Protein backbone atom coordinates (compact mmCIF):
# COMPACT_ATOMS: atom_id res chain seq x y z
CA UNK A 1 2.97 -29.17 4.75
CA UNK A 2 2.08 -27.69 1.74
CA UNK A 3 3.79 -24.95 0.32
CA UNK A 4 2.46 -22.93 -2.33
CA UNK A 5 4.55 -20.31 -4.73
CA UNK A 6 2.51 -17.38 -6.51
CA UNK A 7 4.24 -15.43 -9.04
CA UNK A 8 3.15 -11.72 -9.03
CA UNK A 9 3.46 -9.66 -12.32
CA UNK A 10 5.42 -6.13 -12.73
CA UNK A 11 8.48 -4.59 -12.92
CA UNK A 12 10.00 -6.73 -9.92
CA UNK A 13 10.29 -10.10 -9.75
CA UNK A 14 8.05 -10.67 -6.64
CA UNK A 15 6.26 -13.56 -5.22
CA UNK A 16 4.26 -14.36 -2.12
CA UNK A 17 4.79 -17.29 -0.47
CA UNK A 18 1.76 -19.64 1.71
CA UNK A 19 1.76 -22.49 3.65
CA UNK A 20 -1.16 -24.75 4.45
CA UNK A 21 -1.60 -27.61 6.53
CA UNK A 22 -2.88 -29.90 3.92
CA UNK A 23 -3.89 -29.52 0.14
CA UNK A 24 -6.89 -27.72 -0.24
CA UNK A 25 -6.89 -26.40 2.96
CA UNK A 26 -6.68 -22.63 3.45
CA UNK A 27 -3.11 -21.32 4.11
CA UNK A 28 -2.31 -20.45 7.87
CA UNK A 29 0.54 -18.26 6.82
CA UNK A 30 0.98 -16.32 3.58
CA UNK A 31 4.57 -14.13 3.46
CA UNK A 32 3.79 -11.16 0.79
CA UNK A 33 6.10 -9.51 -1.69
CA UNK A 34 9.02 -11.50 -1.55
CA UNK A 35 11.84 -11.08 -3.56
CA UNK A 36 15.06 -13.08 -5.12
CA UNK A 37 17.80 -11.03 -4.95
CA UNK A 38 21.86 -12.01 -5.74
CA UNK A 39 24.56 -11.41 -3.15
CA UNK A 40 28.00 -11.74 -2.41
CA UNK A 41 27.61 -15.28 -1.78
CA UNK A 42 25.02 -15.89 -4.22
CA UNK A 43 21.37 -15.72 -4.59
CA UNK A 44 18.91 -15.28 -1.89
CA UNK A 45 15.36 -14.50 -0.63
CA UNK A 46 14.85 -11.15 0.36
CA UNK A 47 12.00 -10.88 2.78
CA UNK A 48 9.15 -7.74 3.00
CA UNK A 49 10.67 -4.90 4.68
CA UNK A 50 10.13 -0.97 5.12
CA UNK A 51 12.67 1.86 4.87
CA UNK A 52 13.09 4.24 7.71
CA UNK A 53 13.25 7.80 5.89
CA UNK A 54 14.80 9.17 8.83
CA UNK A 55 17.86 6.33 9.48
CA UNK A 56 17.88 5.06 5.68
CA UNK A 57 17.37 1.67 7.28
CA UNK A 58 15.70 -1.47 6.27
CA UNK A 59 13.86 -3.25 8.42
CA UNK A 60 12.80 -6.36 7.85
CA UNK A 61 8.78 -7.60 8.20
CA UNK A 62 9.84 -11.63 8.80
CA UNK A 63 12.84 -12.95 10.23
CA UNK A 64 14.50 -16.58 8.91
CA UNK A 65 17.08 -18.37 9.46
CA UNK A 66 19.83 -19.29 6.95
């Protein structure tokens, strides 16, 4: 498996992660707009999320294990 990380220009440190079965093959999975954040326990990957304006809660578009 090939993991490709594409850093994006802009005011925030965002990046895309693409997974390929082999070098030169098209990506079978791409996760867009990931960010590195600093938390209480250290740095972590913040997955793409959308804020629900009615409840002020954030909902992740991607779920991962720790």
